[in-house]
Amino acid sequence: GGSLRLPCPASGFGTIFHSNVMGWFPQSPGKERGRLERVSCIDS
């Protein structure tokens, strides 16, 4: 029932002239990162 706010700053895109997509992918205990599921994303 509680809340959390997760920030994700991205640096080093100064020389990249393409827009970027950002997403959040949780990994449940015991699972590999390759099996991540996307819970949310925001496109460009």
PDB file of all heavy atoms in Angstrom:
ATOM      1  N   GLY A   1       0.792  -1.211   0.000  1.00  0.00           N
ATOM      2  CA  GLY A   1       0.000   0.000   0.000  1.00  0.00           C
ATOM      3  C   GLY A   1       0.827   1.265   0.000  1.00  0.00           C
ATOM      4  O   GLY A   1       0.288   2.357  -0.219  1.00  0.00           O
ATOM      5  N   GLY A   2       2.124   1.129   0.225  1.00  0.00           N
ATOM      6  CA  GLY A   2       3.005   2.275   0.248  1.00  0.00           C
ATOM      7  C   GLY A   2       3.421   2.718  -1.140  1.00  0.00           C
ATOM      8  O   GLY A   2       2.972   2.178  -2.149  1.00  0.00           O
ATOM      9  N   SER A   3       4.318   3.699  -1.181  1.00  0.00           N
ATOM     10  CA  SER A   3       4.748   4.277  -2.449  1.00  0.00           C
ATOM     11  C   SER A   3       6.255   4.447  -2.505  1.00  0.00           C
ATOM     12  O   SER A   3       6.924   4.582  -1.474  1.00  0.00           O
ATOM     13  CB  SER A   3       4.088   5.648  -2.665  1.00  0.00           C
ATOM     14  OG  SER A   3       2.676   5.556  -2.705  1.00  0.00           O
ATOM     15  N   LEU A   4       6.784   4.438  -3.713  1.00  0.00           N
ATOM     16  CA  LEU A   4       8.187   4.721  -3.975  1.00  0.00           C
ATOM     17  C   LEU A   4       8.284   5.504  -5.271  1.00  0.00           C
ATOM     18  O   LEU A   4       7.422   5.382  -6.151  1.00  0.00           O
ATOM     19  CB  LEU A   4       9.014   3.444  -4.096  1.00  0.00           C
ATOM     20  CG  LEU A   4       9.375   2.687  -2.813  1.00  0.00           C
ATOM     21  CD1 LEU A   4      10.070   1.381  -3.167  1.00  0.00           C
ATOM     22  CD2 LEU A   4      10.262   3.533  -1.915  1.00  0.00           C
ATOM     23  N   ARG A   5       9.337   6.286  -5.388  1.00  0.00           N
ATOM     24  CA  ARG A   5       9.598   7.043  -6.604  1.00  0.00           C
ATOM     25  C   ARG A   5      11.017   6.728  -7.051  1.00  0.00           C
ATOM     26  O   ARG A   5      11.973   6.994  -6.321  1.00  0.00           O
ATOM     27  CB  ARG A   5       9.433   8.537  -6.352  1.00  0.00           C
ATOM     28  CG  ARG A   5       9.633   9.423  -7.591  1.00  0.00           C
ATOM     29  CD  ARG A   5       9.334  10.880  -7.255  1.00  0.00           C
ATOM     30  NE  ARG A   5       9.620  11.810  -8.336  1.00  0.00           N
ATOM     31  CZ  ARG A   5       8.794  12.075  -9.341  1.00  0.00           C
ATOM     32  NH1 ARG A   5       7.609  11.473  -9.410  1.00  0.00           N
ATOM     33  NH2 ARG A   5       9.143  12.948 -10.282  1.00  0.00           N
ATOM     34  N   LEU A   6      11.156   6.164  -8.235  1.00  0.00           N
ATOM     35  CA  LEU A   6      12.445   5.755  -8.752  1.00  0.00           C
ATOM     36  C   LEU A   6      12.917   6.717  -9.839  1.00  0.00           C
ATOM     37  O   LEU A   6      12.291   6.818 -10.887  1.00  0.00           O
ATOM     38  CB  LEU A   6      12.384   4.344  -9.327  1.00  0.00           C
ATOM     39  CG  LEU A   6      11.778   3.242  -8.453  1.00  0.00           C
ATOM     40  CD1 LEU A   6      11.861   1.907  -9.179  1.00  0.00           C
ATOM     41  CD2 LEU A   6      12.477   3.180  -7.106  1.00  0.00           C
ATOM     42  N   PRO A   7      14.023   7.404  -9.608  1.00  0.00           N
ATOM     43  CA  PRO A   7      14.584   8.257 -10.651  1.00  0.00           C
ATOM     44  C   PRO A   7      15.622   7.509 -11.472  1.00  0.00           C
ATOM     45  O   PRO A   7      16.309   6.616 -10.970  1.00  0.00           O
ATOM     46  CB  PRO A   7      15.236   9.398  -9.859  1.00  0.00           C
ATOM     47  CG  PRO A   7      15.714   8.719  -8.616  1.00  0.00           C
ATOM     48  CD  PRO A   7      14.696   7.634  -8.314  1.00  0.00           C
ATOM     49  N   CYS A   8      15.735   7.874 -12.722  1.00  0.00           N
ATOM     50  CA  CYS A   8      16.733   7.278 -13.603  1.00  0.00           C
ATOM     51  C   CYS A   8      17.335   8.357 -14.486  1.00  0.00           C
ATOM     52  O   CYS A   8      16.827   8.628 -15.585  1.00  0.00           O
ATOM     53  CB  CYS A   8      16.112   6.167 -14.457  1.00  0.00           C
ATOM     54  SG  CYS A   8      17.277   5.391 -15.604  1.00  0.00           S
ATOM     55  N   PRO A   9      18.402   8.980 -14.025  1.00  0.00           N
ATOM     56  CA  PRO A   9      19.081   9.965 -14.865  1.00  0.00           C
ATOM     57  C   PRO A   9      19.981   9.280 -15.883  1.00  0.00           C
ATOM     58  O   PRO A   9      20.649   8.301 -15.572  1.00  0.00           O
ATOM     59  CB  PRO A   9      19.888  10.780 -13.851  1.00  0.00           C
ATOM     60  CG  PRO A   9      20.201   9.789 -12.776  1.00  0.00           C
ATOM     61  CD  PRO A   9      18.977   8.904 -12.678  1.00  0.00           C
ATOM     62  N   ALA A  10      19.976   9.798 -17.081  1.00  0.00           N
ATOM     63  CA  ALA A  10      20.815   9.281 -18.148  1.00  0.00           C
ATOM     64  C   ALA A  10      21.733  10.391 -18.631  1.00  0.00           C
ATOM     65  O   ALA A  10      21.272  11.472 -18.985  1.00  0.00           O
ATOM     66  CB  ALA A  10      19.976   8.751 -19.301  1.00  0.00           C
ATOM     67  N   SER A  11      23.013  10.115 -18.656  1.00  0.00           N
ATOM     68  CA  SER A  11      23.989  11.099 -19.089  1.00  0.00           C
ATOM     69  C   SER A  11      24.775  10.572 -20.280  1.00  0.00           C
ATOM     70  O   SER A  11      24.790   9.373 -20.553  1.00  0.00           O
ATOM     71  CB  SER A  11      24.949  11.452 -17.948  1.00  0.00           C
ATOM     72  OG  SER A  11      25.677  10.308 -17.529  1.00  0.00           O
ATOM     73  N   GLY A  12      25.425  11.479 -20.980  1.00  0.00           N
ATOM     74  CA  GLY A  12      26.254  11.093 -22.097  1.00  0.00           C
ATOM     75  C   GLY A  12      25.556  11.079 -23.441  1.00  0.00           C
ATOM     76  O   GLY A  12      26.137  10.626 -24.427  1.00  0.00           O
ATOM     77  N   PHE A  13      24.327  11.579 -23.493  1.00  0.00           N
ATOM     78  CA  PHE A  13      23.600  11.623 -24.759  1.00  0.00           C
ATOM     79  C   PHE A  13      23.826  12.925 -25.513  1.00  0.00           C
ATOM     80  O   PHE A  13      23.165  13.167 -26.523  1.00  0.00           O
ATOM     81  CB  PHE A  13      22.103  11.437 -24.519  1.00  0.00           C
ATOM     82  CG  PHE A  13      21.688  10.029 -24.242  1.00  0.00           C
ATOM     83  CD1 PHE A  13      21.513   9.589 -22.937  1.00  0.00           C
ATOM     84  CD2 PHE A  13      21.474   9.143 -25.280  1.00  0.00           C
ATOM     85  CE1 PHE A  13      21.138   8.287 -22.674  1.00  0.00           C
ATOM     86  CE2 PHE A  13      21.091   7.835 -25.035  1.00  0.00           C
ATOM     87  CZ  PHE A  13      20.925   7.403 -23.724  1.00  0.00           C
ATOM     88  N   GLY A  14      24.743  13.735 -25.064  1.00  0.00           N
ATOM     89  CA  GLY A  14      24.986  15.028 -25.700  1.00  0.00           C
ATOM     90  C   GLY A  14      25.411  14.935 -27.146  1.00  0.00           C
ATOM     91  O   GLY A  14      25.116  15.827 -27.943  1.00  0.00           O
ATOM     92  N   THR A  15      26.104  13.861 -27.508  1.00  0.00           N
ATOM     93  CA  THR A  15      26.577  13.692 -28.876  1.00  0.00           C
ATOM     94  C   THR A  15      25.674  12.795 -29.707  1.00  0.00           C
ATOM     95  O   THR A  15      25.989  12.480 -30.852  1.00  0.00           O
ATOM     96  CB  THR A  15      28.011  13.115 -28.885  1.00  0.00           C
ATOM     97  OG1 THR A  15      28.024  11.857 -28.211  1.00  0.00           O
ATOM     98  CG2 THR A  15      28.964  14.082 -28.198  1.00  0.00           C
ATOM     99  N   ILE A  16      24.566  12.380 -29.140  1.00  0.00           N
ATOM    100  CA  ILE A  16      23.596  11.538 -29.837  1.00  0.00           C
ATOM    101  C   ILE A  16      22.403  12.398 -30.234  1.00  0.00           C
ATOM    102  O   ILE A  16      21.736  12.978 -29.374  1.00  0.00           O
ATOM    103  CB  ILE A  16      23.131  10.366 -28.968  1.00  0.00           C
ATOM    104  CG1 ILE A  16      24.327   9.498 -28.565  1.00  0.00           C
ATOM    105  CG2 ILE A  16      22.100   9.526 -29.707  1.00  0.00           C
ATOM    106  CD1 ILE A  16      23.975   8.349 -27.656  1.00  0.00           C
ATOM    107  N   PHE A  17      22.167  12.467 -31.516  1.00  0.00           N
ATOM    108  CA  PHE A  17      21.108  13.328 -32.028  1.00  0.00           C
ATOM    109  C   PHE A  17      19.792  12.601 -32.292  1.00  0.00           C
ATOM    110  O   PHE A  17      18.899  13.154 -32.948  1.00  0.00           O
ATOM    111  CB  PHE A  17      21.598  14.019 -33.308  1.00  0.00           C
ATOM    112  CG  PHE A  17      22.757  14.939 -33.082  1.00  0.00           C
ATOM    113  CD1 PHE A  17      24.050  14.511 -33.317  1.00  0.00           C
ATOM    114  CD2 PHE A  17      22.558  16.226 -32.623  1.00  0.00           C
ATOM    115  CE1 PHE A  17      25.136  15.350 -33.099  1.00  0.00           C
ATOM    116  CE2 PHE A  17      23.630  17.082 -32.403  1.00  0.00           C
ATOM    117  CZ  PHE A  17      24.921  16.640 -32.637  1.00  0.00           C
ATOM    118  N   HIS A  18      19.680  11.404 -31.789  1.00  0.00           N
ATOM    119  CA  HIS A  18      18.445  10.652 -31.917  1.00  0.00           C
ATOM    120  C   HIS A  18      17.718  10.647 -30.576  1.00  0.00           C
ATOM    121  O   HIS A  18      18.340  10.587 -29.524  1.00  0.00           O
ATOM    122  CB  HIS A  18      18.718   9.212 -32.348  1.00  0.00           C
ATOM    123  CG  HIS A  18      19.426   9.101 -33.655  1.00  0.00           C
ATOM    124  ND1 HIS A  18      18.787   9.335 -34.857  1.00  0.00           N
ATOM    125  CD2 HIS A  18      20.713   8.783 -33.951  1.00  0.00           C
ATOM    126  CE1 HIS A  18      19.669   9.169 -35.842  1.00  0.00           C
ATOM    127  NE2 HIS A  18      20.830   8.830 -35.317  1.00  0.00           N
ATOM    128  N   SER A  19      16.405  10.687 -30.625  1.00  0.00           N
ATOM    129  CA  SER A  19      15.617  10.621 -29.406  1.00  0.00           C
ATOM    130  C   SER A  19      15.771   9.253 -28.768  1.00  0.00           C
ATOM    131  O   SER A  19      16.080   8.270 -29.430  1.00  0.00           O
ATOM    132  CB  SER A  19      14.142  10.909 -29.701  1.00  0.00           C
ATOM    133  OG  SER A  19      13.976  12.208 -30.230  1.00  0.00           O
ATOM    134  N   ASN A  20      15.543   9.193 -27.467  1.00  0.00           N
ATOM    135  CA  ASN A  20      15.702   7.942 -26.757  1.00  0.00           C
ATOM    136  C   ASN A  20      14.417   7.522 -26.051  1.00  0.00           C
ATOM    137  O   ASN A  20      13.623   8.356 -25.639  1.00  0.00           O
ATOM    138  CB  ASN A  20      16.853   8.037 -25.747  1.00  0.00           C
ATOM    139  CG  ASN A  20      16.602   9.089 -24.680  1.00  0.00           C
ATOM    140  OD1 ASN A  20      16.641  10.284 -24.945  1.00  0.00           O
ATOM    141  ND2 ASN A  20      16.352   8.629 -23.448  1.00  0.00           N
ATOM    142  N   VAL A  21      14.265   6.224 -25.935  1.00  0.00           N
ATOM    143  CA  VAL A  21      13.149   5.615 -25.229  1.00  0.00           C
ATOM    144  C   VAL A  21      13.659   5.136 -23.878  1.00  0.00           C
ATOM    145  O   VAL A  21      14.768   4.599 -23.779  1.00  0.00           O
ATOM    146  CB  VAL A  21      12.564   4.441 -26.034  1.00  0.00           C
ATOM    147  CG1 VAL A  21      11.558   3.660 -25.193  1.00  0.00           C
ATOM    148  CG2 VAL A  21      11.921   4.946 -27.314  1.00  0.00           C
ATOM    149  N   MET A  22      12.871   5.319 -22.845  1.00  0.00           N
ATOM    150  CA  MET A  22      13.246   4.889 -21.510  1.00  0.00           C
ATOM    151  C   MET A  22      12.183   3.937 -20.977  1.00  0.00           C
ATOM    152  O   MET A  22      10.986   4.159 -21.170  1.00  0.00           O
ATOM    153  CB  MET A  22      13.385   6.079 -20.563  1.00  0.00           C
ATOM    154  CG  MET A  22      14.379   7.143 -21.027  1.00  0.00           C
ATOM    155  SD  MET A  22      16.101   6.561 -20.987  1.00  0.00           S
ATOM    156  CE  MET A  22      16.365   6.467 -19.216  1.00  0.00           C
ATOM    157  N   GLY A  23      12.640   2.897 -20.306  1.00  0.00           N
ATOM    158  CA  GLY A  23      11.712   1.924 -19.764  1.00  0.00           C
ATOM    159  C   GLY A  23      12.173   1.365 -18.438  1.00  0.00           C
ATOM    160  O   GLY A  23      13.343   1.482 -18.067  1.00  0.00           O
ATOM    161  N   TRP A  24      11.239   0.761 -17.724  1.00  0.00           N
ATOM    162  CA  TRP A  24      11.520   0.127 -16.443  1.00  0.00           C
ATOM    163  C   TRP A  24      11.215  -1.356 -16.546  1.00  0.00           C
ATOM    164  O   TRP A  24      10.139  -1.747 -17.012  1.00  0.00           O
ATOM    165  CB  TRP A  24      10.698   0.756 -15.321  1.00  0.00           C
ATOM    166  CG  TRP A  24      11.181   2.119 -14.929  1.00  0.00           C
ATOM    167  CD1 TRP A  24      10.731   3.315 -15.376  1.00  0.00           C
ATOM    168  CD2 TRP A  24      12.236   2.401 -14.003  1.00  0.00           C
ATOM    169  NE1 TRP A  24      11.430   4.341 -14.783  1.00  0.00           N
ATOM    170  CE2 TRP A  24      12.359   3.808 -13.937  1.00  0.00           C
ATOM    171  CE3 TRP A  24      13.080   1.609 -13.222  1.00  0.00           C
ATOM    172  CZ2 TRP A  24      13.290   4.442 -13.121  1.00  0.00           C
ATOM    173  CZ3 TRP A  24      14.017   2.237 -12.408  1.00  0.00           C
ATOM    174  CH2 TRP A  24      14.116   3.625 -12.365  1.00  0.00           C
ATOM    175  N   PHE A  25      12.157  -2.179 -16.080  1.00  0.00           N
ATOM    176  CA  PHE A  25      12.064  -3.628 -16.219  1.00  0.00           C
ATOM    177  C   PHE A  25      12.415  -4.297 -14.894  1.00  0.00           C
ATOM    178  O   PHE A  25      13.589  -4.381 -14.533  1.00  0.00           O
ATOM    179  CB  PHE A  25      13.009  -4.120 -17.312  1.00  0.00           C
ATOM    180  CG  PHE A  25      12.842  -3.412 -18.625  1.00  0.00           C
ATOM    181  CD1 PHE A  25      13.462  -2.195 -18.858  1.00  0.00           C
ATOM    182  CD2 PHE A  25      12.067  -3.965 -19.629  1.00  0.00           C
ATOM    183  CE1 PHE A  25      13.314  -1.536 -20.066  1.00  0.00           C
ATOM    184  CE2 PHE A  25      11.912  -3.316 -20.845  1.00  0.00           C
ATOM    185  CZ  PHE A  25      12.531  -2.101 -21.065  1.00  0.00           C
ATOM    186  N   PRO A  26      11.425  -4.780 -14.174  1.00  0.00           N
ATOM    187  CA  PRO A  26      11.717  -5.457 -12.904  1.00  0.00           C
ATOM    188  C   PRO A  26      12.146  -6.904 -13.118  1.00  0.00           C
ATOM    189  O   PRO A  26      11.689  -7.579 -14.046  1.00  0.00           O
ATOM    190  CB  PRO A  26      10.388  -5.381 -12.156  1.00  0.00           C
ATOM    191  CG  PRO A  26       9.367  -5.428 -13.251  1.00  0.00           C
ATOM    192  CD  PRO A  26       9.975  -4.640 -14.397  1.00  0.00           C
ATOM    193  N   GLN A  27      13.021  -7.355 -12.246  1.00  0.00           N
ATOM    194  CA  GLN A  27      13.479  -8.730 -12.246  1.00  0.00           C
ATOM    195  C   GLN A  27      13.109  -9.333 -10.902  1.00  0.00           C
ATOM    196  O   GLN A  27      13.638  -8.921  -9.872  1.00  0.00           O
ATOM    197  CB  GLN A  27      14.985  -8.819 -12.467  1.00  0.00           C
ATOM    198  CG  GLN A  27      15.524 -10.241 -12.467  1.00  0.00           C
ATOM    199  CD  GLN A  27      17.032 -10.293 -12.623  1.00  0.00           C
ATOM    200  OE1 GLN A  27      17.742  -9.406 -12.147  1.00  0.00           O
ATOM    201  NE2 GLN A  27      17.525 -11.313 -13.297  1.00  0.00           N
ATOM    202  N   SER A  28      12.206 -10.292 -10.920  1.00  0.00           N
ATOM    203  CA  SER A  28      11.794 -10.946  -9.691  1.00  0.00           C
ATOM    204  C   SER A  28      12.938 -11.792  -9.153  1.00  0.00           C
ATOM    205  O   SER A  28      13.808 -12.220  -9.914  1.00  0.00           O
ATOM    206  CB  SER A  28      10.560 -11.815  -9.928  1.00  0.00           C
ATOM    207  OG  SER A  28       9.465 -11.028 -10.349  1.00  0.00           O
ATOM    208  N   PRO A  29      12.964 -12.044  -7.849  1.00  0.00           N
ATOM    209  CA  PRO A  29      14.026 -12.863  -7.262  1.00  0.00           C
ATOM    210  C   PRO A  29      14.163 -14.213  -7.959  1.00  0.00           C
ATOM    211  O   PRO A  29      13.166 -14.891  -8.223  1.00  0.00           O
ATOM    212  CB  PRO A  29      13.579 -13.031  -5.807  1.00  0.00           C
ATOM    213  CG  PRO A  29      12.768 -11.810  -5.539  1.00  0.00           C
ATOM    214  CD  PRO A  29      12.035 -11.549  -6.826  1.00  0.00           C
ATOM    215  N   GLY A  30      15.403 -14.583  -8.288  1.00  0.00           N
ATOM    216  CA  GLY A  30      15.670 -15.859  -8.926  1.00  0.00           C
ATOM    217  C   GLY A  30      15.597 -15.859 -10.439  1.00  0.00           C
ATOM    218  O   GLY A  30      15.861 -16.881 -11.062  1.00  0.00           O
ATOM    219  N   LYS A  31      15.256 -14.750 -11.036  1.00  0.00           N
ATOM    220  CA  LYS A  31      15.159 -14.662 -12.482  1.00  0.00           C
ATOM    221  C   LYS A  31      16.354 -13.937 -13.087  1.00  0.00           C
ATOM    222  O   LYS A  31      16.923 -13.042 -12.473  1.00  0.00           O
ATOM    223  CB  LYS A  31      13.870 -13.961 -12.893  1.00  0.00           C
ATOM    224  CG  LYS A  31      12.604 -14.724 -12.541  1.00  0.00           C
ATOM    225  CD  LYS A  31      11.367 -14.017 -13.068  1.00  0.00           C
ATOM    226  CE  LYS A  31      10.110 -14.800 -12.764  1.00  0.00           C
ATOM    227  NZ  LYS A  31       8.898 -14.115 -13.288  1.00  0.00           N
ATOM    228  N   GLU A  32      16.718 -14.313 -14.309  1.00  0.00           N
ATOM    229  CA  GLU A  32      17.809 -13.678 -15.026  1.00  0.00           C
ATOM    230  C   GLU A  32      17.328 -12.391 -15.684  1.00  0.00           C
ATOM    231  O   GLU A  32      16.155 -12.240 -16.009  1.00  0.00           O
ATOM    232  CB  GLU A  32      18.384 -14.614 -16.085  1.00  0.00           C
ATOM    233  CG  GLU A  32      18.956 -15.909 -15.548  1.00  0.00           C
ATOM    234  CD  GLU A  32      20.167 -15.693 -14.680  1.00  0.00           C
ATOM    235  OE1 GLU A  32      20.886 -14.693 -14.903  1.00  0.00           O
ATOM    236  OE2 GLU A  32      20.410 -16.518 -13.787  1.00  0.00           O
ATOM    237  N   ARG A  33      18.255 -11.471 -15.897  1.00  0.00           N
ATOM    238  CA  ARG A  33      17.900 -10.208 -16.517  1.00  0.00           C
ATOM    239  C   ARG A  33      17.345 -10.398 -17.925  1.00  0.00           C
ATOM    240  O   ARG A  33      16.534  -9.587 -18.395  1.00  0.00           O
ATOM    241  CB  ARG A  33      19.101  -9.263 -16.552  1.00  0.00           C
ATOM    242  CG  ARG A  33      18.720  -7.810 -16.807  1.00  0.00           C
ATOM    243  CD  ARG A  33      19.870  -6.871 -16.552  1.00  0.00           C
ATOM    244  NE  ARG A  33      20.784  -6.800 -17.684  1.00  0.00           N
ATOM    245  CZ  ARG A  33      21.824  -5.980 -17.749  1.00  0.00           C
ATOM    246  NH1 ARG A  33      22.090  -5.174 -16.720  1.00  0.00           N
ATOM    247  NH2 ARG A  33      22.608  -5.968 -18.816  1.00  0.00           N
ATOM    248  N   GLY A  34      17.757 -11.448 -18.579  1.00  0.00           N
ATOM    249  CA  GLY A  34      17.256 -11.732 -19.912  1.00  0.00           C
ATOM    250  C   GLY A  34      15.776 -12.059 -19.944  1.00  0.00           C
ATOM    251  O   GLY A  34      15.158 -12.051 -21.015  1.00  0.00           O
ATOM    252  N   ARG A  35      15.200 -12.349 -18.776  1.00  0.00           N
ATOM    253  CA  ARG A  35      13.782 -12.663 -18.683  1.00  0.00           C
ATOM    254  C   ARG A  35      12.994 -11.518 -18.068  1.00  0.00           C
ATOM    255  O   ARG A  35      11.896 -11.704 -17.563  1.00  0.00           O
ATOM    256  CB  ARG A  35      13.567 -13.935 -17.859  1.00  0.00           C
ATOM    257  CG  ARG A  35      14.202 -15.185 -18.457  1.00  0.00           C
ATOM    258  CD  ARG A  35      13.551 -15.538 -19.786  1.00  0.00           C
ATOM    259  NE  ARG A  35      12.124 -15.782 -19.628  1.00  0.00           N
ATOM    260  CZ  ARG A  35      11.586 -16.939 -19.282  1.00  0.00           C
ATOM    261  NH1 ARG A  35      12.384 -17.995 -19.066  1.00  0.00           N
ATOM    262  NH2 ARG A  35      10.284 -17.069 -19.158  1.00  0.00           N
ATOM    263  N   LEU A  36      13.531 -10.333 -18.136  1.00  0.00           N
ATOM    264  CA  LEU A  36      12.855  -9.169 -17.588  1.00  0.00           C
ATOM    265  C   LEU A  36      11.547  -8.891 -18.312  1.00  0.00           C
ATOM    266  O   LEU A  36      11.416  -9.147 -19.510  1.00  0.00           O
ATOM    267  CB  LEU A  36      13.747  -7.931 -17.685  1.00  0.00           C
ATOM    268  CG  LEU A  36      15.071  -7.946 -16.915  1.00  0.00           C
ATOM    269  CD1 LEU A  36      15.854  -6.672 -17.204  1.00  0.00           C
ATOM    270  CD2 LEU A  36      14.827  -8.099 -15.429  1.00  0.00           C
ATOM    271  N   GLU A  37      10.582  -8.362 -17.582  1.00  0.00           N
ATOM    272  CA  GLU A  37       9.312  -7.952 -18.149  1.00  0.00           C
ATOM    273  C   GLU A  37       9.172  -6.444 -17.996  1.00  0.00           C
ATOM    274  O   GLU A  37       9.464  -5.890 -16.951  1.00  0.00           O
ATOM    275  CB  GLU A  37       8.148  -8.659 -17.465  1.00  0.00           C
ATOM    276  CG  GLU A  37       8.121 -10.159 -17.678  1.00  0.00           C
ATOM    277  CD  GLU A  37       6.910 -10.803 -17.066  1.00  0.00           C
ATOM    278  OE1 GLU A  37       6.131 -10.095 -16.394  1.00  0.00           O
ATOM    279  OE2 GLU A  37       6.726 -12.013 -17.260  1.00  0.00           O
ATOM    280  N   ARG A  38       8.727  -5.800 -19.051  1.00  0.00           N
ATOM    281  CA  ARG A  38       8.564  -4.362 -19.008  1.00  0.00           C
ATOM    282  C   ARG A  38       7.290  -3.992 -18.276  1.00  0.00           C
ATOM    283  O   ARG A  38       6.214  -4.466 -18.621  1.00  0.00           O
ATOM    284  CB  ARG A  38       8.530  -3.793 -20.434  1.00  0.00           C
ATOM    285  CG  ARG A  38       8.561  -2.266 -20.487  1.00  0.00           C
ATOM    286  CD  ARG A  38       8.343  -1.786 -21.913  1.00  0.00           C
ATOM    287  NE  ARG A  38       6.966  -1.938 -22.323  1.00  0.00           N
ATOM    288  CZ  ARG A  38       6.542  -1.950 -23.580  1.00  0.00           C
ATOM    289  NH1 ARG A  38       7.441  -1.852 -24.571  1.00  0.00           N
ATOM    290  NH2 ARG A  38       5.260  -2.072 -23.860  1.00  0.00           N
ATOM    291  N   VAL A  39       7.418  -3.139 -17.272  1.00  0.00           N
ATOM    292  CA  VAL A  39       6.233  -2.671 -16.567  1.00  0.00           C
ATOM    293  C   VAL A  39       5.793  -1.309 -17.075  1.00  0.00           C
ATOM    294  O   VAL A  39       4.612  -0.972 -16.974  1.00  0.00           O
ATOM    295  CB  VAL A  39       6.445  -2.621 -15.041  1.00  0.00           C
ATOM    296  CG1 VAL A  39       6.681  -4.020 -14.493  1.00  0.00           C
ATOM    297  CG2 VAL A  39       7.602  -1.689 -14.674  1.00  0.00           C
ATOM    298  N   SER A  40       6.730  -0.540 -17.619  1.00  0.00           N
ATOM    299  CA  SER A  40       6.376   0.780 -18.116  1.00  0.00           C
ATOM    300  C   SER A  40       7.477   1.325 -19.008  1.00  0.00           C
ATOM    301  O   SER A  40       8.647   0.984 -18.854  1.00  0.00           O
ATOM    302  CB  SER A  40       6.127   1.752 -16.956  1.00  0.00           C
ATOM    303  OG  SER A  40       5.664   3.007 -17.433  1.00  0.00           O
ATOM    304  N   CYS A  41       7.102   2.164 -19.945  1.00  0.00           N
ATOM    305  CA  CYS A  41       8.072   2.839 -20.793  1.00  0.00           C
ATOM    306  C   CYS A  41       7.479   4.146 -21.283  1.00  0.00           C
ATOM    307  O   CYS A  41       6.258   4.336 -21.261  1.00  0.00           O
ATOM    308  CB  CYS A  41       8.495   1.963 -21.974  1.00  0.00           C
ATOM    309  SG  CYS A  41       7.207   1.654 -23.192  1.00  0.00           S
ATOM    310  N   ILE A  42       8.349   5.022 -21.720  1.00  0.00           N
ATOM    311  CA  ILE A  42       7.922   6.280 -22.290  1.00  0.00           C
ATOM    312  C   ILE A  42       8.751   6.507 -23.543  1.00  0.00           C
ATOM    313  O   ILE A  42       9.978   6.446 -23.508  1.00  0.00           O
ATOM    314  CB  ILE A  42       8.068   7.445 -21.277  1.00  0.00           C
ATOM    315  CG1 ILE A  42       7.552   8.746 -21.886  1.00  0.00           C
ATOM    316  CG2 ILE A  42       9.504   7.588 -20.792  1.00  0.00           C
ATOM    317  CD1 ILE A  42       7.362   9.855 -20.850  1.00  0.00           C
ATOM    318  N   ASP A  43       8.080   6.722 -24.666  1.00  0.00           N
ATOM    319  CA  ASP A  43       8.795   6.851 -25.924  1.00  0.00           C
ATOM    320  C   ASP A  43       9.080   8.309 -26.254  1.00  0.00           C
ATOM    321  O   ASP A  43       8.692   9.228 -25.535  1.00  0.00           O
ATOM    322  CB  ASP A  43       8.048   6.152 -27.067  1.00  0.00           C
ATOM    323  CG  ASP A  43       6.685   6.761 -27.364  1.00  0.00           C
ATOM    324  OD1 ASP A  43       6.500   7.986 -27.176  1.00  0.00           O
ATOM    325  OD2 ASP A  43       5.787   6.014 -27.800  1.00  0.00           O
ATOM    326  N   SER A  44       9.769   8.496 -27.374  1.00  0.00           N
ATOM    327  CA  SER A  44      10.168   9.834 -27.794  1.00  0.00           C
ATOM    328  C   SER A  44       9.193  10.453 -28.777  1.00  0.00           C
ATOM    329  O   SER A  44       9.443  11.531 -29.297  1.00  0.00           O
ATOM    330  CB  SER A  44      11.571   9.793 -28.420  1.00  0.00           C
ATOM    331  OG  SER A  44      11.610   8.915 -29.532  1.00  0.00           O
TER     332      SER A  44
END
